[in-house]
Structures are given as structure tokens and as C-alpha cells.
Protein backbone atom coordinates (compact mmCIF):
# COMPACT_ATOMS: atom_id res chain seq x y z
CA MET A 1 -26.18 37.01 -13.02
CA ARG A 2 -27.39 35.34 -9.70
CA ASP A 3 -31.16 34.37 -9.71
CA ILE A 4 -33.80 36.47 -8.00
CA GLU A 5 -34.13 35.26 -4.44
CA ILE A 6 -37.57 34.20 -3.51
CA GLY A 7 -38.77 33.07 0.09
CA PRO A 8 -40.83 29.57 0.79
CA ILE A 9 -44.09 30.86 1.44
CA ARG A 10 -46.90 33.79 0.97
CA PRO A 11 -50.55 34.31 2.04
CA PRO A 12 -53.00 32.60 -0.22
CA SER A 13 -54.52 35.67 -1.09
CA GLU A 14 -51.19 36.85 -2.17
CA SER A 15 -50.64 34.33 -4.88
CA ASN A 16 -50.84 36.81 -8.01
CA SER A 17 -48.49 39.09 -6.29
CA LEU A 18 -45.26 40.06 -6.73
CA LEU A 19 -42.75 38.42 -4.03
CA ILE A 20 -39.70 40.48 -2.61
CA ARG A 21 -37.49 38.55 -0.16
CA VAL A 22 -36.24 41.04 2.21
CA THR A 23 -35.42 38.38 5.51
CA ARG A 24 -34.60 34.98 5.59
CA GLY A 25 -36.52 33.02 7.89
CA CYS A 26 -38.17 34.43 11.15
CA HIS A 27 -36.61 36.28 13.53
CA TRP A 28 -38.68 34.72 16.25
CA ASN A 29 -38.76 31.07 14.83
CA LYS A 30 -40.02 29.62 18.18
CA CYS A 31 -43.74 29.21 18.32
CA TYR A 32 -44.55 25.28 19.33
CA PHE A 33 -46.80 24.51 16.00
CA CYS A 34 -44.58 25.80 13.19
CA GLY A 35 -41.66 24.07 11.63
CA LEU A 36 -41.52 26.50 8.21
CA TYR A 37 -38.20 27.96 9.40
CA LYS A 38 -36.43 25.76 11.92
CA SER A 39 -33.89 24.94 9.40
CA MET A 40 -32.93 28.45 8.49
CA ARG A 41 -31.19 30.93 10.33
CA PHE A 42 -32.69 34.55 10.48
CA SER A 43 -31.09 37.07 8.68
CA MET A 44 -31.62 40.52 6.97
CA ARG A 45 -30.93 40.58 3.54
CA PRO A 46 -28.27 43.28 2.47
CA ILE A 47 -30.19 46.44 1.14
CA ASP A 48 -28.23 46.92 -2.00
CA GLU A 49 -29.01 42.81 -2.62
CA THR A 50 -32.86 43.77 -2.43
CA ILE A 51 -32.91 46.37 -4.40
CA GLU A 52 -31.24 44.98 -7.32
CA ASP A 53 -33.71 42.26 -7.36
CA ILE A 54 -36.49 44.61 -7.29
CA ARG A 55 -34.69 46.16 -10.76
CA ARG A 56 -34.51 42.51 -11.86
CA GLN A 57 -38.16 41.98 -11.29
CA ALA A 58 -39.05 45.27 -13.13
CA GLN A 59 -36.99 44.49 -16.00
CA LEU A 60 -38.56 40.67 -16.33
CA ASN A 61 -42.11 42.09 -15.84
CA ARG A 62 -41.68 44.87 -18.31
CA GLY A 63 -44.79 45.89 -20.15
CA LYS A 64 -46.97 44.27 -17.45
CA LYS A 65 -49.27 46.02 -15.06
CA ILE A 66 -48.01 44.75 -11.36
CA THR A 67 -50.36 46.32 -8.84
CA SER A 68 -49.58 44.15 -5.73
CA CYS A 69 -46.32 42.93 -3.85
CA PHE A 70 -45.71 40.59 -0.60
CA LEU A 71 -42.36 41.54 1.30
CA GLN A 72 -40.93 37.92 2.19
CA ASP A 73 -40.24 36.06 4.92
CA GLY A 74 -41.94 35.76 8.16
CA ASP A 75 -42.27 39.18 9.26
CA ALA A 76 -40.53 42.33 7.03
CA LEU A 77 -41.88 44.62 10.07
CA VAL A 78 -39.05 43.70 12.37
CA LEU A 79 -36.65 45.87 9.85
CA LYS A 80 -35.73 49.51 10.85
CA THR A 81 -38.02 51.85 9.61
CA ASP A 82 -35.73 53.77 7.56
CA TYR A 83 -34.81 50.13 5.83
CA LEU A 84 -38.19 49.57 4.84
CA LEU A 85 -38.74 52.66 3.39
CA ARG A 86 -36.02 52.39 1.31
CA ILE A 87 -37.27 49.58 0.22
CA LEU A 88 -40.73 50.89 -0.56
CA ASN A 89 -39.36 53.58 -2.36
CA ALA A 90 -37.59 51.02 -4.69
CA ILE A 91 -40.78 49.16 -5.07
CA ASN A 92 -42.56 52.30 -6.17
CA GLN A 93 -40.35 53.93 -8.53
CA ASN A 94 -39.77 50.42 -10.49
CA PHE A 95 -43.77 49.82 -10.50
CA PRO A 96 -45.56 52.78 -10.90
CA ASP A 97 -48.53 50.75 -11.23
CA MET A 98 -48.01 49.65 -8.07
CA GLN A 99 -51.26 49.61 -5.39
CA TYR A 100 -50.97 47.20 -2.82
CA ILE A 101 -47.47 46.47 -0.77
CA THR A 102 -47.98 43.63 1.79
CA SER A 103 -46.11 41.91 4.74
CA TYR A 104 -46.59 39.37 7.85
CA ALA A 105 -46.24 41.04 10.85
CA ARG A 106 -45.90 40.02 14.27
CA ALA A 107 -47.95 41.80 17.13
CA ASP A 108 -44.84 42.58 18.91
CA SER A 109 -43.19 44.02 15.83
CA ILE A 110 -45.94 46.12 15.01
CA THR A 111 -46.02 47.53 18.71
CA ARG A 112 -42.41 48.42 18.52
CA LYS A 113 -42.74 50.95 15.77
CA SER A 114 -44.51 54.34 16.83
CA PRO A 115 -47.56 55.64 15.39
CA ALA A 116 -45.44 58.02 13.60
CA GLU A 117 -43.58 55.09 11.63
CA LEU A 118 -46.38 53.28 11.34
CA LYS A 119 -47.95 56.07 9.37
CA ALA A 120 -44.65 57.00 7.21
CA LEU A 121 -44.84 53.38 6.12
CA ARG A 122 -48.42 53.67 5.35
CA GLN A 123 -47.86 56.77 3.25
CA ALA A 124 -44.77 54.78 1.56
CA GLY A 125 -47.10 52.21 0.02
CA LEU A 126 -47.37 49.70 2.74
CA ASN A 127 -51.18 49.35 3.38
CA HIS A 128 -51.99 45.74 4.37
CA LEU A 129 -50.35 43.92 6.99
CA TYR A 130 -51.17 39.73 7.78
CA SER A 131 -50.77 39.61 11.78
CA GLY A 132 -50.60 35.80 12.92
CA MET A 133 -52.60 36.73 16.57
CA GLU A 134 -53.48 32.68 16.04
CA THR A 135 -55.84 33.08 19.35
CA GLY A 136 -56.87 35.48 21.99
CA SER A 137 -56.47 32.90 24.90
CA ASP A 138 -53.37 33.81 27.31
CA ARG A 139 -53.11 30.62 28.26
CA ILE A 140 -52.92 29.01 24.22
CA LEU A 141 -50.51 32.01 23.45
CA LYS A 142 -48.16 30.45 26.26
CA LEU A 143 -48.94 26.71 25.37
CA ILE A 144 -47.70 27.52 21.66
CA ASN A 145 -45.08 29.81 22.96
CA LYS A 146 -46.26 32.67 20.38
CA GLY A 147 -44.01 35.20 22.42
CA PHE A 148 -46.48 37.75 23.21
CA ASP A 149 -49.90 38.04 24.92
CA VAL A 150 -53.46 39.02 24.04
CA ASP A 151 -52.81 42.64 25.30
CA THR A 152 -50.03 43.14 22.39
CA VAL A 153 -52.22 41.49 20.03
CA VAL A 154 -55.38 43.70 20.70
CA LYS A 155 -52.49 46.79 20.90
CA SER A 156 -50.92 46.07 17.41
CA GLY A 157 -54.21 45.63 15.56
CA CYS A 158 -55.80 49.18 17.16
CA MET A 159 -52.12 50.47 16.01
CA ALA A 160 -52.27 49.02 12.20
CA LYS A 161 -55.63 50.48 12.04
CA GLU A 162 -55.10 53.69 13.51
CA ALA A 163 -52.40 54.23 10.60
CA ASP A 164 -55.03 53.40 8.15
CA MET A 165 -53.36 49.94 7.03
CA ILE A 166 -55.92 46.99 5.75
CA LEU A 167 -55.57 44.35 8.34
CA SER A 168 -55.90 40.76 8.16
CA GLU A 169 -56.02 38.95 11.54
CA PHE A 170 -54.99 35.15 11.14
CA ILE A 171 -56.47 32.66 13.53
CA LEU A 172 -56.37 28.74 14.25
CA LEU A 173 -59.15 26.74 14.99
CA GLY A 174 -58.36 23.80 17.11
CA ILE A 175 -55.06 25.28 18.37
CA GLY A 176 -56.05 24.58 21.77
CA GLY A 177 -56.83 20.78 21.52
CA LYS A 178 -60.24 19.77 23.10
CA GLU A 179 -58.87 21.05 26.40
CA LEU A 180 -59.18 24.54 25.85
CA SER A 181 -61.88 24.86 22.44
CA GLU A 182 -64.25 26.81 23.94
CA GLU A 183 -61.96 29.06 25.45
CA ASN A 184 -60.20 29.37 22.25
CA ALA A 185 -63.45 30.53 20.31
CA VAL A 186 -64.87 32.95 22.86
CA GLN A 187 -61.62 34.51 23.76
CA THR A 188 -60.24 35.09 20.26
CA ALA A 189 -63.96 36.71 19.23
CA MET A 190 -63.26 38.99 22.47
CA ALA A 191 -60.24 40.17 21.06
CA LEU A 192 -61.12 40.87 17.11
CA ASN A 193 -64.28 42.54 18.73
CA ILE A 194 -62.22 44.90 19.88
CA ILE A 195 -59.67 45.36 17.04
CA GLN A 196 -62.23 44.70 14.18
CA PRO A 197 -59.84 44.02 11.36
CA ASP A 198 -60.53 44.25 7.65
CA PHE A 199 -60.08 40.15 7.42
CA ILE A 200 -60.35 37.44 9.69
CA ARG A 201 -58.63 34.52 7.94
CA VAL A 202 -59.75 31.29 9.37
CA HIS A 203 -57.10 28.43 9.42
CA ALA A 204 -58.26 24.87 10.92
CA THR A 205 -54.72 24.10 12.46
CA GLY A 206 -52.43 21.08 11.67
CA ILE A 207 -50.24 19.77 14.04
CA LYS A 208 -46.61 18.40 12.52
CA PRO A 209 -45.51 15.33 14.37
CA GLU A 210 -42.34 16.55 14.52
CA SER A 211 -43.27 19.88 16.16
CA LYS A 212 -43.43 20.86 19.89
CA LEU A 213 -46.88 20.40 19.70
CA GLY A 214 -46.80 17.30 18.20
CA GLU A 215 -44.69 16.12 21.21
CA PHE A 216 -47.61 17.45 23.46
CA VAL A 217 -50.30 15.02 21.82
CA ARG A 218 -48.06 12.16 21.72
CA ASP A 219 -47.75 12.56 25.51
CA GLY A 220 -51.30 12.97 26.02
CA SER A 221 -51.52 16.70 27.27
CA PHE A 222 -52.84 18.02 24.03
CA THR A 223 -55.92 16.22 22.62
CA LEU A 224 -56.80 16.41 19.00
CA GLN A 225 -60.17 17.44 17.92
CA SER A 226 -62.21 15.82 15.10
CA GLU A 227 -63.13 17.81 12.15
CA GLU A 228 -66.70 17.86 13.83
CA GLU A 229 -65.36 19.42 16.87
CA ILE A 230 -63.32 21.87 14.94
CA VAL A 231 -66.38 22.93 12.86
CA VAL A 232 -68.61 23.23 16.22
CA GLU A 233 -65.45 25.44 17.70
CA GLN A 234 -66.06 27.59 14.63
CA LYS A 235 -69.87 28.22 15.06
CA LEU A 236 -69.13 29.35 18.74
CA PHE A 237 -66.24 31.59 17.50
CA LEU A 238 -68.59 32.96 14.55
CA GLN A 239 -71.50 33.21 16.86
CA GLN A 240 -69.45 35.47 19.48
CA LEU A 241 -67.92 37.91 16.59
CA HIS A 242 -69.78 41.24 16.40
CA GLU A 243 -71.70 41.96 13.37
CA MET A 244 -68.83 44.54 12.04
CA ASP A 245 -67.50 45.20 8.65
CA SER A 246 -65.07 42.90 7.96
CA TYR A 247 -64.94 40.12 5.69
CA TYR A 248 -64.69 36.44 7.41
CA VAL A 249 -62.80 33.98 5.31
CA ASN A 250 -62.08 30.04 5.18
CA GLU A 251 -59.45 30.68 2.19
CA HIS A 252 -57.08 27.62 3.14
CA ILE A 253 -57.52 24.15 1.45
CA ILE A 254 -57.39 22.68 4.82
CA ASN A 255 -60.03 24.32 6.14
CA LEU A 256 -63.38 21.86 5.83
CA LEU A 257 -65.80 24.25 4.85
CA LEU A 258 -64.69 26.17 2.10
CA GLU A 259 -67.71 28.24 1.16
CA VAL A 260 -68.25 29.92 4.64
CA ARG A 261 -66.92 33.38 4.11
CA GLY A 262 -68.46 36.81 3.66
CA ASN A 263 -68.75 40.11 5.71
CA LEU A 264 -69.87 39.81 9.03
CA ARG A 265 -72.09 42.77 8.99
CA THR A 266 -74.23 41.54 6.58
CA GLU A 267 -73.66 37.45 5.82
CA LYS A 268 -72.91 36.17 9.53
CA GLN A 269 -76.56 34.51 9.57
CA GLU A 270 -75.82 32.97 6.13
CA MET A 271 -72.45 31.23 7.35
CA LEU A 272 -73.80 30.01 10.58
CA SER A 273 -76.29 28.22 8.45
CA THR A 274 -73.93 26.54 6.14
CA ILE A 275 -72.03 25.44 9.34
CA ASP A 276 -75.53 24.14 10.69
CA ARG A 277 -76.18 22.21 7.57
CA PHE A 278 -72.96 20.31 7.95
CA LEU A 279 -73.59 19.62 11.70
CA ALA A 280 -77.20 18.59 10.85
CA LEU A 281 -75.86 15.84 8.31
CA PRO A 282 -76.09 11.96 9.36
CA THR A 283 -73.32 10.88 11.25
CA ASN A 284 -72.51 8.82 8.38
CA GLU A 285 -72.71 11.54 5.71
CA LYS A 286 -70.73 14.00 7.88
CA LEU A 287 -67.71 11.29 7.73
CA LEU A 288 -68.13 10.95 4.11
CA PHE A 289 -67.80 14.47 3.47
CA THR A 290 -64.83 14.93 5.94
CA VAL A 291 -63.18 11.87 4.44
CA GLY A 292 -63.76 13.43 0.49
CA ARG A 293 -62.57 16.86 1.73
CA ARG A 294 -59.24 15.66 3.17
CA LEU A 295 -59.08 13.76 -0.19
CA ASN A 296 -60.00 16.66 -2.22
CA ILE A 297 -62.79 14.58 -3.49
CA PHE A 298 -65.69 17.04 -2.47
CA PHE A 299 -64.74 21.06 -2.11
CA LEU A 300 -68.12 22.39 -1.15
CA LEU A 301 -70.85 20.98 0.78
CA ASP A 302 -73.23 20.99 -2.27
CA ASP A 303 -70.83 18.07 -3.81
CA LEU A 304 -72.13 15.70 -1.67
CA LYS A 305 -75.34 15.88 -4.07
CA LYS A 306 -73.05 14.63 -6.86
CA PRO A 307 -73.47 11.03 -7.20
CA GLU A 308 -70.37 10.31 -8.90
CA LEU A 309 -68.39 12.18 -6.19
CA HIS A 310 -70.25 10.83 -3.62
CA GLN A 311 -69.63 7.25 -4.70
CA GLU A 312 -65.71 8.06 -4.92
CA ALA A 313 -65.81 9.41 -1.56
CA GLU A 314 -68.17 5.79 -0.35
CA LYS A 315 -65.26 4.13 -2.31
CA ASN A 316 -62.06 5.54 -0.56
CA LEU A 317 -63.92 5.61 2.90
CA GLN A 318 -64.43 1.83 2.35
CA GLN A 319 -60.82 1.37 1.70
CA ILE A 320 -59.61 3.02 4.59
CA LEU A 321 -61.86 1.23 6.77
CA SER A 322 -60.81 -2.20 5.27
CA LYS A 323 -57.35 -1.73 5.98
CA ASN A 324 -58.18 -0.39 9.26
CA PRO A 325 -61.42 -0.61 10.92
CA ASP A 326 -60.33 1.30 14.13
CA VAL A 327 -58.91 3.81 12.53
CA ASP A 328 -58.70 7.02 14.42
CA PHE A 329 -60.13 9.81 11.80
CA ALA A 330 -59.29 12.71 14.01
CA ALA A 331 -55.96 11.82 13.56
CA LEU A 332 -56.06 11.00 10.23
CA CYS A 333 -57.41 14.13 9.17
CA ASN A 334 -54.77 15.92 11.24
CA TYR A 335 -52.14 14.34 9.38
CA VAL A 336 -53.77 15.34 6.04
CA ARG A 337 -53.72 18.89 7.11
CA GLN A 338 -50.20 19.21 8.36
CA SER A 339 -49.21 18.14 5.21
CA GLN A 340 -51.04 20.65 3.02
CA ILE A 341 -49.37 23.64 5.08
């Protein structure tokens, strides 16, 4: 009996979900910042094989109450609607307690569906889409070869909301480098203010050296931001977002300020205050916290107040400086971030 096939990733928020692989890889696979699927040829899994996996998962989880499921890999919505409806039907038949069925969805895959198709998928149980818009800047979308423009981002987000789907939009801080930092913050907020997604999931960019964007760093056309500069970008981004009923979250370990999360309608000022707390730290303490976070010594700003953690971070910082007094901390921190994705 063959093993159940599981893809390489899922959103952090789907850590407890049942994973059903419906495609292998990413059908676009040309983004200049992403190397996840570069060695993998995109394919749609045979429908009978996928449904058999669903049945076997049900057997293995007999007696358990499974309420959430994530469809892998990079963008299940690229599949024909009839195919997806068969998958959704199989999931609901085999998992009667299912409440949430979710998927990654590129903006252009959403807009290729008609409103009627999206509503049919929603009625069949696909009720949460994770869309990687990355940025609201057309210049940056072109720079990273995302394959669609901001108009498509906004249209797709509005279509998902109109179909009564939960919508999570991923955005990347630092994806424009120093050159386009302000544009990334302001124009991304402008797009999200129109869409008003349920979740805004913020990730700091970690540029892999083997990626095309890594080439841009080496040739000098893209300048890495320091951790502090990325936080300044985040502050501007958050300031520009309307106080809407969306949940803003730094959910991934690559983010510096994990505690910056909350409802934009009721907790925006609290989140900005947390950012200001970091920016107001003395220069040496900002660097110490940054290094401590990247080495997983600190997780929250309040950890700076813990003497044993403070001492451990100082020790590690001194070791770094003793080996290389001229270390480029922007490059070092980027190296750590990219290794975590």
C-alpha cells in the first residue's frame, strides 16, 4: 500500500489541519524571491489518487474530530472547478465534522473563476483562501516577477470576499529593498484598504542567495534593509491601513516583533505603540534584541528585561563581533531569515 502523499509546506496557521495534496509544485514557479518549487515540475494529481488519499486519511484518523483541512501545494485554485468540487465532496463525505477547507490561491487564479464558480466552491466547503499578494506596488510586482498587477490583486480579493470566503492576504516587508521601501508600505496599504481582507499576514522578506533577487543584491541593484529599517517600513504600512475589521498578524518566526498583532479596528494604536517601543530603544539595545531574536534567545520585547536572556544575547553578540568586527548585520539577519523559510 502506497504512502499518503504530503506536500512540502502549509501556512503557519494550518499547523493542526489535515493536509490533502491536490497538486505538486506551483504552476507559475517564476517568482524571483521564491525557490521552494524550483526543482519540482508542476502537475495535477490524478483525481482517483487524491480521493484515495482522503479515504486513507479518514481511516487513519478514525475516532478523531477533524475540523480543518488544507489543500496543497502552491495554488489549488488553479484546478478546474469540477475537479475541486469532487475533491471537496470527498472530504466532506469522509470527514463529517469538517468546518474549514482552505487553500493557497494566486490572485490570477481567483480572477479566472467566475463569481458563480467561487460561490459554488464556497458552498461545497472551500471557505478560506490564502493569497500571496506580497505587495501593492506594480513596480515591485514586476521586480519580483509575480506575474500579475495590483488591479488583479484588488479584483481577486474583492471577488473572494463577495463569495463569502475568509480571505488571508500575505504581504512581504522589505521586498522592495531600501529603494522602494516607502512605496511598498504605502501602496500595499492602499490595496488592502480596498480589499479589507479578514487577515493581513505580515512576513519579513528573507532573500535566498540562489534566487534571482539574490542576484540583484549581489549586483547592487537591490539594497537589503536592516531589521530596524524593516520595522520602520512596517510602522508606515500599519499607519496607512484603515481601522477596519481585519486581523493583522506577524505570525512567522522570521518576523522581528511577533507581538505586533491584533484587530485593526480596535488594536491598531496598541500595535503601533509596540513598534515605537522597539524604535525608542537605545541603539545598542536594538541591536542586542535583533541579534537575540535571530538566534531565538528573545521572542518578545519584554524578554530584554530578563537578565539571563539579556546576558546570553550579549555573549552571542560579542562572539559575532570578535570574529568579524565589521559584520554587516543587515546581511547576517537576512541570512538567518531566509534559512527559516
